[in-house]
């Protein structure tokens, strides 16, 4: 199966040599989907008769060029290698759909050296992706190189080529009983950690080797090493380690590393605990022990108040009663405030995207999406009522403490609080797992974790948070 070296998730700043055109014109929504495309690891192997029959048939129906040349035994071995490449490619394509994060797009390296020592060799993958493209089994978005000198035209960072399964490929797979929903039962996936533990996105550029970036790398590596010493058990959830992601690095020369900074668990698929709901996360066990999840209530709003030198009232719910007494009223008010933080300015209208996003959130919380009607909640009324409760929100989008701040600034402060808490707990031998604005710890360490999180929040902001604890026996 080749050497033990794995094709880890490397930076997205190199591209196929044959694709020299700059990035094609695409919409903002298409760009967001392409940016979220997972890297093809091409290490999935068949774990069912259906998978073996599927890859064998596809390999024969869409053969590699010059496949008929050479001696019989060599042709047979080559066909097996090619079928393995086809299977690994198809498995990654279906898994990208199953993950439901990139509209099915998959990121693929077209650098030959990236396949040295890998389960799937370059010539086999190259043949498979060309055969599939010509047959209409995949659509692709060509990659492009970044600039190599400042005077060169084009973007500073390149993009890997993206591929996505077409309806024809999905139909061929379904005919063998292999679908995105069951691909992980049909194929065995070997999950890998990214080689870069500190990543830059929005835009996605290669992480520079600076002193500050290295300090962050060491910190994340220490957290990963420490947690690996503990046993996490759950029927479907897996955790290999965390990657810290920063945003808005438009100028690496002046970037201050203070935008974003959350820890993201890998693998980034359906096995990721951060993608599951709270009840499912509380089914996890750390070293055989029940866990609890400590949530920072109204995290962004509390940090925003602190920037304005105010303490948010922790004795009352920050969202209840703004619009009315019902849970739907509360959810609308909460969404408007947090979406305004994400928007950079206070929201003034229900766009299609906001409406769709909110209805999806309602569904995840067990509230019928059809219960919400934009006409019953005009933005003008929401804004008026929200400002009556939280008049400081009128300052959002304006200068605060000398500069205009945005969502990435809020996220950075929050991430610093969470990570400082994890580091403090690690020093006391306590493992923890972040979920952005909450922290999961062994149930026996609840009091210690609550005290530590509260202390770190106050140390970073000057105010105290409202913390709520969810326990398995609450569900």
Foldseek 3Di string as FASTA:
>chain_A
DFDPDFLFDAFFFFEAPVDADAFDDDDPLLVQLQQPAEAQRLPKAFDDPLLLVLLLVVCVVQDFPPLPDDDPVVSVVVSVLLSSSLSSVLLSQLQRVQQVRRVSKHFYHLDQVSQVRHSRHNSSNVRNVVSCVVVVQKDKRHKHHADPDPPDDHHNGIGGMIIHGDPVNQVSSVVSPDGSVCSCVGIPDDWDHHPQQEFEPQPGDHDDPDPVSVVVRVLQVVLQVLLVVKDKDDPQADFNGWGWYFYDPPDVVPDPRQFAGAIFTPPSGPNHLLVDDPLRNQRMDINNFGKKKKFFQPQLVQLLCLLVVHGDDLVDRLQAPLQDHDPVSSLVLVLQLVVCLQVQHRDQACDPVSLVVSLVVCVVVVHHSVVDDCVVPHSVSSVVSSCVSVVSSNCRNHDGPHRHDGNRNSLSLQRQLVSQLQVVVVVVVWRWDDNSRMIMTGPVCVVVSQVSSQVSNCVSRVYGTRMDMGHNVVD
